[in-house]
Amino acid sequence: MTELDVHPTDMIRAAGAVVWRGTESAPEVALVHRPKYDDWTFPKGKLKPGEHVIAGALREVAEETGITALLGRSLPPIHYLKGRRLKRVDYWTARVASGGRYTAVDEVDKVIWLPMKEARRRLTYEWDAGLLRALTAVPLRTTPLILVRHGLAGSRQEWEGDDDERPLDEAGRMQAEVLADVLSGYHPTELLSSPSRRCVETLEPYAERAGLEIRRERLLSETHYDPRASLRLVSKAMDSEQPTVLCSHGKVLPELITELSDRPGDVQLRKGAFMVLHRAGGRVVSVDRYIT
């Protein structure tokens, strides 16, 4: 998924997830029945105006299944015509973080868990079968390392004080709030940041919601960045089994991304954007990138 995929306005947008449980060798997936269409499909629904696509996926899964989802990697989006308009549905792999007590709603009257082969037979649409195939293309259980570039913080040239003390501007604070909504889908438990105020403030809304401390690391700052030492620091986070977020600068992140993954694509992140490196078995198996 590219940054530009997230907020296009010329099509109907929807989002959902293929939620699985059990073991990687014998997973079960959640299907929902929609009485209006009398079909079996994966939980999904239309985005609200201005809603981030990840936040929309989390909300729809919760509304239709009662599950609080723990997101994994993105799956290939599905496109089809809805009347005369193109509709795009973005999907993620997801595990159950909590919940699962289902209450019937107007859109969905049944939720069932099925093994993969049975799910394939029960699904109404062929495009959903493609999602099942994509689900098992790489390891199911992954751990995210999320690399964030700080949000918008005005102009470096117009700031008269110490640049490390330059705060987020109003747009940057809005980005930080959106980021908090999005990060909740990955449930990170470790937060690392450049000591620069704009980086710390980018993570503060999520840290406050999750009750976590932000660990300030000078090696992630522009002034104290050292290619070898900084890479060692971030490699430790890569090797951790804990979902981790790291917030730094546009001059620091590209080199780290290049060193960490053999599949980074475009390593430049705009302000407020982030990249998710999904790890399994000591290697990066998938990379996603988003804007806020």
C-alpha atoms as a PDB file:
ATOM      1  CA  MET A   1       0.000   0.000   0.000  1.00  0.00           C
ATOM      2  CA  THR A   2       1.349   3.441  -0.893  1.00  0.00           C
ATOM      3  CA  GLU A   3       0.752   6.740   0.858  1.00  0.00           C
ATOM      4  CA  LEU A   4      -1.462   7.930  -1.990  1.00  0.00           C
ATOM      5  CA  ASP A   5      -3.772   4.949  -1.527  1.00  0.00           C
ATOM      6  CA  VAL A   6      -5.107   6.216   1.775  1.00  0.00           C
ATOM      7  CA  HIS A   7      -7.284   9.251   1.090  1.00  0.00           C
ATOM      8  CA  PRO A   8      -8.447   9.398  -2.548  1.00  0.00           C
ATOM      9  CA  THR A   9     -11.862  11.060  -2.902  1.00  0.00           C
ATOM     10  CA  ASP A  10     -12.969   9.950  -6.363  1.00  0.00           C
ATOM     11  CA  MET A  11     -14.340   6.552  -5.320  1.00  0.00           C
ATOM     12  CA  ILE A  12     -16.389   4.869  -2.634  1.00  0.00           C
ATOM     13  CA  ARG A  13     -14.037   3.766   0.146  1.00  0.00           C
ATOM     14  CA  ALA A  14     -14.530   0.871   2.534  1.00  0.00           C
ATOM     15  CA  ALA A  15     -12.299  -1.171   4.816  1.00  0.00           C
ATOM     16  CA  GLY A  16     -12.294  -4.405   6.758  1.00  0.00           C
ATOM     17  CA  ALA A  17     -10.189  -7.340   7.881  1.00  0.00           C
ATOM     18  CA  VAL A  18      -9.729 -11.069   7.547  1.00  0.00           C
ATOM     19  CA  VAL A  19      -9.737 -11.972  11.239  1.00  0.00           C
ATOM     20  CA  TRP A  20      -8.154 -15.282  12.164  1.00  0.00           C
ATOM     21  CA  ARG A  21      -7.630 -17.350  15.299  1.00  0.00           C
ATOM     22  CA  GLY A  22      -5.979 -20.639  16.230  1.00  0.00           C
ATOM     23  CA  THR A  23      -2.636 -21.812  14.897  1.00  0.00           C
ATOM     24  CA  GLU A  24      -0.822 -20.813  11.729  1.00  0.00           C
ATOM     25  CA  SER A  25      -1.002 -24.378  10.473  1.00  0.00           C
ATOM     26  CA  ALA A  26      -4.764 -24.651  11.048  1.00  0.00           C
ATOM     27  CA  PRO A  27      -6.300 -21.177  11.304  1.00  0.00           C
ATOM     28  CA  GLU A  28      -9.982 -20.347  11.439  1.00  0.00           C
ATOM     29  CA  VAL A  29     -11.361 -17.131   9.942  1.00  0.00           C
ATOM     30  CA  ALA A  30     -14.410 -15.066  10.874  1.00  0.00           C
ATOM     31  CA  LEU A  31     -17.213 -14.708   8.314  1.00  0.00           C
ATOM     32  CA  VAL A  32     -20.296 -12.531   8.634  1.00  0.00           C
ATOM     33  CA  HIS A  33     -23.744 -13.021   7.120  1.00  0.00           C
ATOM     34  CA  ARG A  34     -25.553  -9.946   5.811  1.00  0.00           C
ATOM     35  CA  PRO A  35     -29.315 -10.522   5.614  1.00  0.00           C
ATOM     36  CA  LYS A  36     -29.840  -7.620   3.194  1.00  0.00           C
ATOM     37  CA  TYR A  37     -27.739  -9.402   0.564  1.00  0.00           C
ATOM     38  CA  ASP A  38     -28.005 -12.947   1.949  1.00  0.00           C
ATOM     39  CA  ASP A  39     -24.241 -13.328   1.516  1.00  0.00           C
ATOM     40  CA  TRP A  40     -21.239 -14.558   3.495  1.00  0.00           C
ATOM     41  CA  THR A  41     -18.208 -12.301   3.485  1.00  0.00           C
ATOM     42  CA  PHE A  42     -15.540 -10.740   5.701  1.00  0.00           C
ATOM     43  CA  PRO A  43     -16.367  -7.883   8.102  1.00  0.00           C
ATOM     44  CA  LYS A  44     -16.099  -4.561   6.297  1.00  0.00           C
ATOM     45  CA  GLY A  45     -17.954  -1.318   5.701  1.00  0.00           C
ATOM     46  CA  LYS A  46     -17.836   2.181   4.271  1.00  0.00           C
ATOM     47  CA  LEU A  47     -15.554   4.810   5.761  1.00  0.00           C
ATOM     48  CA  LYS A  48     -17.042   7.793   7.532  1.00  0.00           C
ATOM     49  CA  PRO A  49     -16.181  11.228   6.076  1.00  0.00           C
ATOM     50  CA  GLY A  50     -12.574  12.069   6.958  1.00  0.00           C
ATOM     51  CA  GLU A  51     -11.973   8.708   8.647  1.00  0.00           C
ATOM     52  CA  HIS A  52      -8.561   7.119   8.235  1.00  0.00           C
ATOM     53  CA  VAL A  53      -8.793   3.817   6.397  1.00  0.00           C
ATOM     54  CA  ILE A  54      -7.171   1.875   9.264  1.00  0.00           C
ATOM     55  CA  ALA A  55      -9.505   3.427  11.840  1.00  0.00           C
ATOM     56  CA  GLY A  56     -12.420   2.514   9.588  1.00  0.00           C
ATOM     57  CA  ALA A  57     -11.316  -1.104   9.359  1.00  0.00           C
ATOM     58  CA  LEU A  58     -11.005  -1.352  13.140  1.00  0.00           C
ATOM     59  CA  ARG A  59     -14.421   0.220  13.681  1.00  0.00           C
ATOM     60  CA  GLU A  60     -16.181  -2.004  11.155  1.00  0.00           C
ATOM     61  CA  VAL A  61     -14.691  -5.197  12.602  1.00  0.00           C
ATOM     62  CA  ALA A  62     -15.766  -4.138  16.096  1.00  0.00           C
ATOM     63  CA  GLU A  63     -19.287  -3.176  14.994  1.00  0.00           C
ATOM     64  CA  GLU A  64     -19.928  -6.315  12.959  1.00  0.00           C
ATOM     65  CA  THR A  65     -18.242  -8.942  15.159  1.00  0.00           C
ATOM     66  CA  GLY A  66     -17.660  -7.436  18.612  1.00  0.00           C
ATOM     67  CA  ILE A  67     -13.924  -8.072  18.160  1.00  0.00           C
ATOM     68  CA  THR A  68     -11.175  -5.606  19.003  1.00  0.00           C
ATOM     69  CA  ALA A  69      -8.714  -6.399  16.236  1.00  0.00           C
ATOM     70  CA  LEU A  70      -4.936  -6.606  16.367  1.00  0.00           C
ATOM     71  CA  LEU A  71      -3.860  -5.712  12.845  1.00  0.00           C
ATOM     72  CA  GLY A  72      -1.209  -7.438  10.806  1.00  0.00           C
ATOM     73  CA  ARG A  73      -0.135  -6.680   7.250  1.00  0.00           C
ATOM     74  CA  SER A  74      -2.334  -5.249   4.539  1.00  0.00           C
ATOM     75  CA  LEU A  75      -3.935  -7.526   1.957  1.00  0.00           C
ATOM     76  CA  PRO A  76      -4.540  -6.683  -1.711  1.00  0.00           C
ATOM     77  CA  PRO A  77      -7.438  -4.215  -2.039  1.00  0.00           C
ATOM     78  CA  ILE A  78     -10.585  -5.205  -3.893  1.00  0.00           C
ATOM     79  CA  HIS A  79     -12.133  -2.966  -6.552  1.00  0.00           C
ATOM     80  CA  TYR A  80     -15.574  -3.308  -8.103  1.00  0.00           C
ATOM     81  CA  LEU A  81     -18.338  -1.139  -9.525  1.00  0.00           C
ATOM     82  CA  LYS A  82     -21.134  -0.026  -7.206  1.00  0.00           C
ATOM     83  CA  GLY A  83     -23.709   1.333  -9.586  1.00  0.00           C
ATOM     84  CA  ARG A  84     -21.675   3.692 -11.766  1.00  0.00           C
ATOM     85  CA  ARG A  85     -18.977   4.406  -9.162  1.00  0.00           C
ATOM     86  CA  LEU A  86     -15.814   2.490  -8.455  1.00  0.00           C
ATOM     87  CA  LYS A  87     -15.609   1.059  -4.949  1.00  0.00           C
ATOM     88  CA  ARG A  88     -12.378   0.107  -3.216  1.00  0.00           C
ATOM     89  CA  VAL A  89     -12.206  -2.063  -0.104  1.00  0.00           C
ATOM     90  CA  ASP A  90      -8.915  -2.224   1.814  1.00  0.00           C
ATOM     91  CA  TYR A  91      -8.262  -5.258   4.001  1.00  0.00           C
ATOM     92  CA  TRP A  92      -5.789  -6.343   6.658  1.00  0.00           C
ATOM     93  CA  THR A  93      -4.977  -9.568   8.383  1.00  0.00           C
ATOM     94  CA  ALA A  94      -6.048  -9.382  12.008  1.00  0.00           C
ATOM     95  CA  ARG A  95      -6.038 -11.388  15.200  1.00  0.00           C
ATOM     96  CA  VAL A  96      -8.400 -11.107  18.150  1.00  0.00           C
ATOM     97  CA  ALA A  97      -7.031  -8.733  20.780  1.00  0.00           C
ATOM     98  CA  SER A  98     -10.185  -8.874  22.906  1.00  0.00           C
ATOM     99  CA  GLY A  99     -13.931  -9.156  22.639  1.00  0.00           C
ATOM    100  CA  GLY A 100     -15.785 -11.526  20.390  1.00  0.00           C
ATOM    101  CA  ARG A 101     -19.130 -11.388  22.190  1.00  0.00           C
ATOM    102  CA  TYR A 102     -21.356 -10.789  19.197  1.00  0.00           C
ATOM    103  CA  THR A 103     -24.607  -8.815  19.270  1.00  0.00           C
ATOM    104  CA  ALA A 104     -26.710  -8.857  16.106  1.00  0.00           C
ATOM    105  CA  VAL A 105     -26.964  -5.560  14.223  1.00  0.00           C
ATOM    106  CA  ASP A 106     -29.007  -4.535  11.191  1.00  0.00           C
ATOM    107  CA  GLU A 107     -26.193  -5.206   8.731  1.00  0.00           C
ATOM    108  CA  VAL A 108     -24.998  -8.533  10.188  1.00  0.00           C
ATOM    109  CA  ASP A 109     -27.109 -11.259  11.801  1.00  0.00           C
ATOM    110  CA  LYS A 110     -24.537 -14.087  12.097  1.00  0.00           C
ATOM    111  CA  VAL A 111     -20.809 -14.438  12.770  1.00  0.00           C
ATOM    112  CA  ILE A 112     -19.116 -17.823  12.350  1.00  0.00           C
ATOM    113  CA  TRP A 113     -15.572 -19.181  12.570  1.00  0.00           C
ATOM    114  CA  LEU A 114     -14.544 -21.688   9.911  1.00  0.00           C
ATOM    115  CA  PRO A 115     -11.360 -23.506   8.861  1.00  0.00           C
ATOM    116  CA  MET A 116      -9.862 -22.215   5.637  1.00  0.00           C
ATOM    117  CA  LYS A 117     -11.318 -24.848   3.291  1.00  0.00           C
ATOM    118  CA  GLU A 118     -14.799 -24.549   4.740  1.00  0.00           C
ATOM    119  CA  ALA A 119     -14.578 -20.763   4.637  1.00  0.00           C
ATOM    120  CA  ARG A 120     -13.652 -20.917   0.967  1.00  0.00           C
ATOM    121  CA  ARG A 121     -16.777 -22.957   0.224  1.00  0.00           C
ATOM    122  CA  ARG A 122     -19.017 -20.691   2.311  1.00  0.00           C
ATOM    123  CA  LEU A 123     -17.835 -17.355   0.872  1.00  0.00           C
ATOM    124  CA  THR A 124     -20.238 -15.849  -1.637  1.00  0.00           C
ATOM    125  CA  TYR A 125     -17.761 -13.847  -3.709  1.00  0.00           C
ATOM    126  CA  GLU A 126     -14.760 -15.084  -5.645  1.00  0.00           C
ATOM    127  CA  TRP A 127     -12.745 -11.981  -4.777  1.00  0.00           C
ATOM    128  CA  ASP A 128     -12.998 -12.932  -1.097  1.00  0.00           C
ATOM    129  CA  ALA A 129     -11.419 -16.282  -1.932  1.00  0.00           C
ATOM    130  CA  GLY A 130      -8.436 -14.324  -3.235  1.00  0.00           C
ATOM    131  CA  LEU A 131      -8.080 -12.719   0.187  1.00  0.00           C
ATOM    132  CA  LEU A 132      -7.885 -16.175   1.764  1.00  0.00           C
ATOM    133  CA  ARG A 133      -5.051 -17.102  -0.576  1.00  0.00           C
ATOM    134  CA  ALA A 134      -3.226 -13.858   0.234  1.00  0.00           C
ATOM    135  CA  LEU A 135      -3.750 -14.458   3.947  1.00  0.00           C
ATOM    136  CA  THR A 136      -1.380 -17.422   3.984  1.00  0.00           C
ATOM    137  CA  ALA A 137       1.133 -16.142   1.419  1.00  0.00           C
ATOM    138  CA  VAL A 138       3.506 -15.105   4.222  1.00  0.00           C
ATOM    139  CA  PRO A 139       3.566 -15.982   7.949  1.00  0.00           C
ATOM    140  CA  LEU A 140       0.298 -15.114   9.673  1.00  0.00           C
ATOM    141  CA  ARG A 141       1.709 -14.082  13.038  1.00  0.00           C
ATOM    142  CA  THR A 142       3.900 -11.006  12.657  1.00  0.00           C
ATOM    143  CA  THR A 143       5.255  -8.276  14.931  1.00  0.00           C
ATOM    144  CA  PRO A 144       5.245  -4.653  13.745  1.00  0.00           C
ATOM    145  CA  LEU A 145       8.037  -2.114  13.918  1.00  0.00           C
ATOM    146  CA  ILE A 146       6.410   1.216  13.085  1.00  0.00           C
ATOM    147  CA  LEU A 147       8.645   4.043  11.867  1.00  0.00           C
ATOM    148  CA  VAL A 148       7.008   7.482  12.115  1.00  0.00           C
ATOM    149  CA  ARG A 149       8.161  10.823  10.787  1.00  0.00           C
ATOM    150  CA  HIS A 150       7.067  13.595  13.144  1.00  0.00           C
ATOM    151  CA  GLY A 151       3.998  15.652  12.263  1.00  0.00           C
ATOM    152  CA  LEU A 152       3.860  19.121  10.763  1.00  0.00           C
ATOM    153  CA  ALA A 153       5.721  21.652  12.892  1.00  0.00           C
ATOM    154  CA  GLY A 154       5.722  24.955  11.058  1.00  0.00           C
ATOM    155  CA  SER A 155       8.817  26.366   9.381  1.00  0.00           C
ATOM    156  CA  ARG A 156      12.344  25.698  10.605  1.00  0.00           C
ATOM    157  CA  GLN A 157      13.396  29.041   9.118  1.00  0.00           C
ATOM    158  CA  GLU A 158      10.684  31.012  10.940  1.00  0.00           C
ATOM    159  CA  TRP A 159      11.297  29.390  14.344  1.00  0.00           C
ATOM    160  CA  GLU A 160      13.514  31.648  16.459  1.00  0.00           C
ATOM    161  CA  GLY A 161      14.351  29.284  19.288  1.00  0.00           C
ATOM    162  CA  ASP A 162      16.286  26.031  19.617  1.00  0.00           C
ATOM    163  CA  ASP A 163      15.083  23.817  16.764  1.00  0.00           C
ATOM    164  CA  ASP A 164      14.798  20.835  19.118  1.00  0.00           C
ATOM    165  CA  GLU A 165      12.100  22.806  20.949  1.00  0.00           C
ATOM    166  CA  ARG A 166      10.001  23.508  17.841  1.00  0.00           C
ATOM    167  CA  PRO A 167       6.497  22.125  18.548  1.00  0.00           C
ATOM    168  CA  LEU A 168       3.855  20.647  16.315  1.00  0.00           C
ATOM    169  CA  ASP A 169       1.570  23.192  14.705  1.00  0.00           C
ATOM    170  CA  GLU A 170      -2.217  22.825  14.661  1.00  0.00           C
ATOM    171  CA  ALA A 171      -2.171  20.526  11.624  1.00  0.00           C
ATOM    172  CA  GLY A 172       0.575  18.447  13.234  1.00  0.00           C
ATOM    173  CA  ARG A 173      -1.449  18.037  16.417  1.00  0.00           C
ATOM    174  CA  MET A 174      -4.365  16.784  14.326  1.00  0.00           C
ATOM    175  CA  GLN A 175      -2.015  14.302  12.656  1.00  0.00           C
ATOM    176  CA  ALA A 176      -0.896  13.088  16.091  1.00  0.00           C
ATOM    177  CA  GLU A 177      -4.515  12.436  17.114  1.00  0.00           C
ATOM    178  CA  VAL A 178      -5.169  10.472  13.920  1.00  0.00           C
ATOM    179  CA  LEU A 179      -1.944   8.549  14.502  1.00  0.00           C
ATOM    180  CA  ALA A 180      -3.160   7.597  17.977  1.00  0.00           C
ATOM    181  CA  ASP A 181      -6.349   6.142  16.473  1.00  0.00           C
ATOM    182  CA  VAL A 182      -4.342   4.188  13.926  1.00  0.00           C
ATOM    183  CA  LEU A 183      -1.636   2.916  16.285  1.00  0.00           C
ATOM    184  CA  SER A 184      -4.309   1.427  18.535  1.00  0.00           C
ATOM    185  CA  GLY A 185      -4.834  -1.193  15.839  1.00  0.00           C
ATOM    186  CA  TYR A 186      -1.268  -2.454  16.246  1.00  0.00           C
ATOM    187  CA  HIS A 187      -1.221  -2.306  20.080  1.00  0.00           C
ATOM    188  CA  PRO A 188       2.426  -1.165  20.361  1.00  0.00           C
ATOM    189  CA  THR A 189       3.893  -1.449  23.850  1.00  0.00           C
ATOM    190  CA  GLU A 190       7.271   0.246  23.288  1.00  0.00           C
ATOM    191  CA  LEU A 191       7.565   3.890  22.193  1.00  0.00           C
ATOM    192  CA  LEU A 192      10.938   5.350  21.188  1.00  0.00           C
ATOM    193  CA  SER A 193      11.422   8.931  20.042  1.00  0.00           C
ATOM    194  CA  SER A 194      13.966  11.532  19.155  1.00  0.00           C
ATOM    195  CA  PRO A 195      14.087  13.987  22.091  1.00  0.00           C
ATOM    196  CA  SER A 196      13.002  16.780  19.729  1.00  0.00           C
ATOM    197  CA  ARG A 197       9.735  18.233  20.947  1.00  0.00           C
ATOM    198  CA  ARG A 198       7.922  17.727  17.636  1.00  0.00           C
ATOM    199  CA  CYS A 199       8.743  13.995  17.680  1.00  0.00           C
ATOM    200  CA  VAL A 200       7.687  13.470  21.282  1.00  0.00           C
ATOM    201  CA  GLU A 201       4.461  15.397  20.710  1.00  0.00           C
ATOM    202  CA  THR A 202       3.681  13.194  17.706  1.00  0.00           C
ATOM    203  CA  LEU A 203       3.526  10.126  19.974  1.00  0.00           C
ATOM    204  CA  GLU A 204       2.005  11.753  23.057  1.00  0.00           C
ATOM    205  CA  PRO A 205      -1.702  11.221  22.224  1.00  0.00           C
ATOM    206  CA  TYR A 206      -1.193   7.483  21.782  1.00  0.00           C
ATOM    207  CA  ALA A 207       1.088   7.269  24.830  1.00  0.00           C
ATOM    208  CA  GLU A 208      -1.560   8.950  26.988  1.00  0.00           C
ATOM    209  CA  ARG A 209      -4.333   6.657  25.759  1.00  0.00           C
ATOM    210  CA  ALA A 210      -2.234   3.518  26.210  1.00  0.00           C
ATOM    211  CA  GLY A 211      -0.663   4.560  29.524  1.00  0.00           C
ATOM    212  CA  LEU A 212       2.872   4.224  28.133  1.00  0.00           C
ATOM    213  CA  GLU A 213       6.072   6.186  28.613  1.00  0.00           C
ATOM    214  CA  ILE A 214       7.952   7.593  25.628  1.00  0.00           C
ATOM    215  CA  ARG A 215      11.626   6.667  25.742  1.00  0.00           C
ATOM    216  CA  ARG A 216      13.715   9.537  24.398  1.00  0.00           C
ATOM    217  CA  GLU A 217      16.737   8.392  22.394  1.00  0.00           C
ATOM    218  CA  ARG A 218      19.360  10.928  21.306  1.00  0.00           C
ATOM    219  CA  LEU A 219      20.542   8.602  18.541  1.00  0.00           C
ATOM    220  CA  LEU A 220      17.213   9.195  16.786  1.00  0.00           C
ATOM    221  CA  SER A 221      17.713  12.967  16.692  1.00  0.00           C
ATOM    222  CA  GLU A 222      19.129  14.950  13.793  1.00  0.00           C
ATOM    223  CA  THR A 223      22.033  16.317  15.851  1.00  0.00           C
ATOM    224  CA  HIS A 224      23.161  13.050  17.466  1.00  0.00           C
ATOM    225  CA  TYR A 225      22.392  10.587  14.686  1.00  0.00           C
ATOM    226  CA  ASP A 226      25.263   8.176  14.086  1.00  0.00           C
ATOM    227  CA  PRO A 227      24.856   5.641  11.252  1.00  0.00           C
ATOM    228  CA  ARG A 228      26.308   2.681  13.135  1.00  0.00           C
ATOM    229  CA  ALA A 229      25.167   3.427  16.676  1.00  0.00           C
ATOM    230  CA  SER A 230      21.683   4.501  15.614  1.00  0.00           C
ATOM    231  CA  LEU A 231      21.284   1.389  13.481  1.00  0.00           C
ATOM    232  CA  ARG A 232      22.304  -0.800  16.434  1.00  0.00           C
ATOM    233  CA  LEU A 233      19.627   0.885  18.541  1.00  0.00           C
ATOM    234  CA  VAL A 234      16.920   0.343  15.942  1.00  0.00           C
ATOM    235  CA  SER A 235      18.088  -3.211  15.216  1.00  0.00           C
ATOM    236  CA  LYS A 236      17.435  -4.018  18.888  1.00  0.00           C
ATOM    237  CA  ALA A 237      13.870  -2.856  18.382  1.00  0.00           C
ATOM    238  CA  MET A 238      13.693  -5.012  15.250  1.00  0.00           C
ATOM    239  CA  ASP A 239      14.739  -8.069  17.235  1.00  0.00           C
ATOM    240  CA  SER A 240      12.246  -7.408  20.022  1.00  0.00           C
ATOM    241  CA  GLU A 241       9.076  -9.456  20.294  1.00  0.00           C
ATOM    242  CA  GLN A 242       7.232  -6.325  21.414  1.00  0.00           C
ATOM    243  CA  PRO A 243       5.313  -4.179  18.892  1.00  0.00           C
ATOM    244  CA  THR A 244       7.373  -0.987  18.785  1.00  0.00           C
ATOM    245  CA  VAL A 245       6.950   2.558  17.474  1.00  0.00           C
ATOM    246  CA  LEU A 246       9.916   4.760  16.654  1.00  0.00           C
ATOM    247  CA  CYS A 247       9.504   8.482  15.825  1.00  0.00           C
ATOM    248  CA  SER A 248      12.298  10.416  14.147  1.00  0.00           C
ATOM    249  CA  HIS A 249      13.147  12.879  11.365  1.00  0.00           C
ATOM    250  CA  GLY A 250      13.133  13.063   7.595  1.00  0.00           C
ATOM    251  CA  LYS A 251      16.929  13.197   7.537  1.00  0.00           C
ATOM    252  CA  VAL A 252      17.299  10.102   9.737  1.00  0.00           C
ATOM    253  CA  LEU A 253      14.599   7.626   8.735  1.00  0.00           C
ATOM    254  CA  PRO A 254      15.478   6.931   5.066  1.00  0.00           C
ATOM    255  CA  GLU A 255      18.899   5.502   5.881  1.00  0.00           C
ATOM    256  CA  LEU A 256      17.511   3.384   8.710  1.00  0.00           C
ATOM    257  CA  ILE A 257      14.683   2.053   6.533  1.00  0.00           C
ATOM    258  CA  THR A 258      17.130   1.118   3.789  1.00  0.00           C
ATOM    259  CA  GLU A 259      19.297  -0.813   6.241  1.00  0.00           C
ATOM    260  CA  LEU A 260      16.412  -2.568   7.987  1.00  0.00           C
ATOM    261  CA  SER A 261      14.517  -3.958   5.022  1.00  0.00           C
ATOM    262  CA  ASP A 262      15.358  -5.434   1.645  1.00  0.00           C
ATOM    263  CA  ARG A 263      11.927  -4.379   0.353  1.00  0.00           C
ATOM    264  CA  PRO A 264      11.415  -0.773   1.498  1.00  0.00           C
ATOM    265  CA  GLY A 265      10.372   0.801  -1.825  1.00  0.00           C
ATOM    266  CA  ASP A 266      10.351   4.586  -1.525  1.00  0.00           C
ATOM    267  CA  VAL A 267      12.145   5.352   1.748  1.00  0.00           C
ATOM    268  CA  GLN A 268      11.035   8.988   1.945  1.00  0.00           C
ATOM    269  CA  LEU A 269       8.186   9.709   4.370  1.00  0.00           C
ATOM    270  CA  ARG A 270       6.250  12.954   4.378  1.00  0.00           C
ATOM    271  CA  LYS A 271       5.632  14.607   7.759  1.00  0.00           C
ATOM    272  CA  GLY A 272       3.151  12.612   9.801  1.00  0.00           C
ATOM    273  CA  ALA A 273       3.527   9.524   7.605  1.00  0.00           C
ATOM    274  CA  PHE A 274       4.647   6.136   8.870  1.00  0.00           C
ATOM    275  CA  MET A 275       5.929   2.799   7.643  1.00  0.00           C
ATOM    276  CA  VAL A 276       5.116  -0.579   9.192  1.00  0.00           C
ATOM    277  CA  LEU A 277       7.741  -3.309   8.936  1.00  0.00           C
ATOM    278  CA  HIS A 278       6.033  -6.638   9.642  1.00  0.00           C
ATOM    279  CA  ARG A 279       8.527  -9.130  11.076  1.00  0.00           C
ATOM    280  CA  ALA A 280       8.443 -12.904  11.420  1.00  0.00           C
ATOM    281  CA  GLY A 281      11.234 -15.411  11.899  1.00  0.00           C
ATOM    282  CA  GLY A 282      13.856 -12.685  12.258  1.00  0.00           C
ATOM    283  CA  ARG A 283      13.118 -11.004   8.920  1.00  0.00           C
ATOM    284  CA  VAL A 284      10.819  -8.417   7.381  1.00  0.00           C
ATOM    285  CA  VAL A 285       8.065 -10.243   5.472  1.00  0.00           C
ATOM    286  CA  SER A 286       5.910  -7.278   4.461  1.00  0.00           C
ATOM    287  CA  VAL A 287       6.049  -3.471   4.405  1.00  0.00           C
ATOM    288  CA  ASP A 288       3.117  -1.036   4.545  1.00  0.00           C
ATOM    289  CA  ARG A 289       3.199   2.762   4.459  1.00  0.00           C
ATOM    290  CA  TYR A 290       0.520   5.325   5.267  1.00  0.00           C
ATOM    291  CA  ILE A 291      -0.171   9.006   5.763  1.00  0.00           C
ATOM    292  CA  THR A 292      -2.225  10.531   8.588  1.00  0.00           C
END
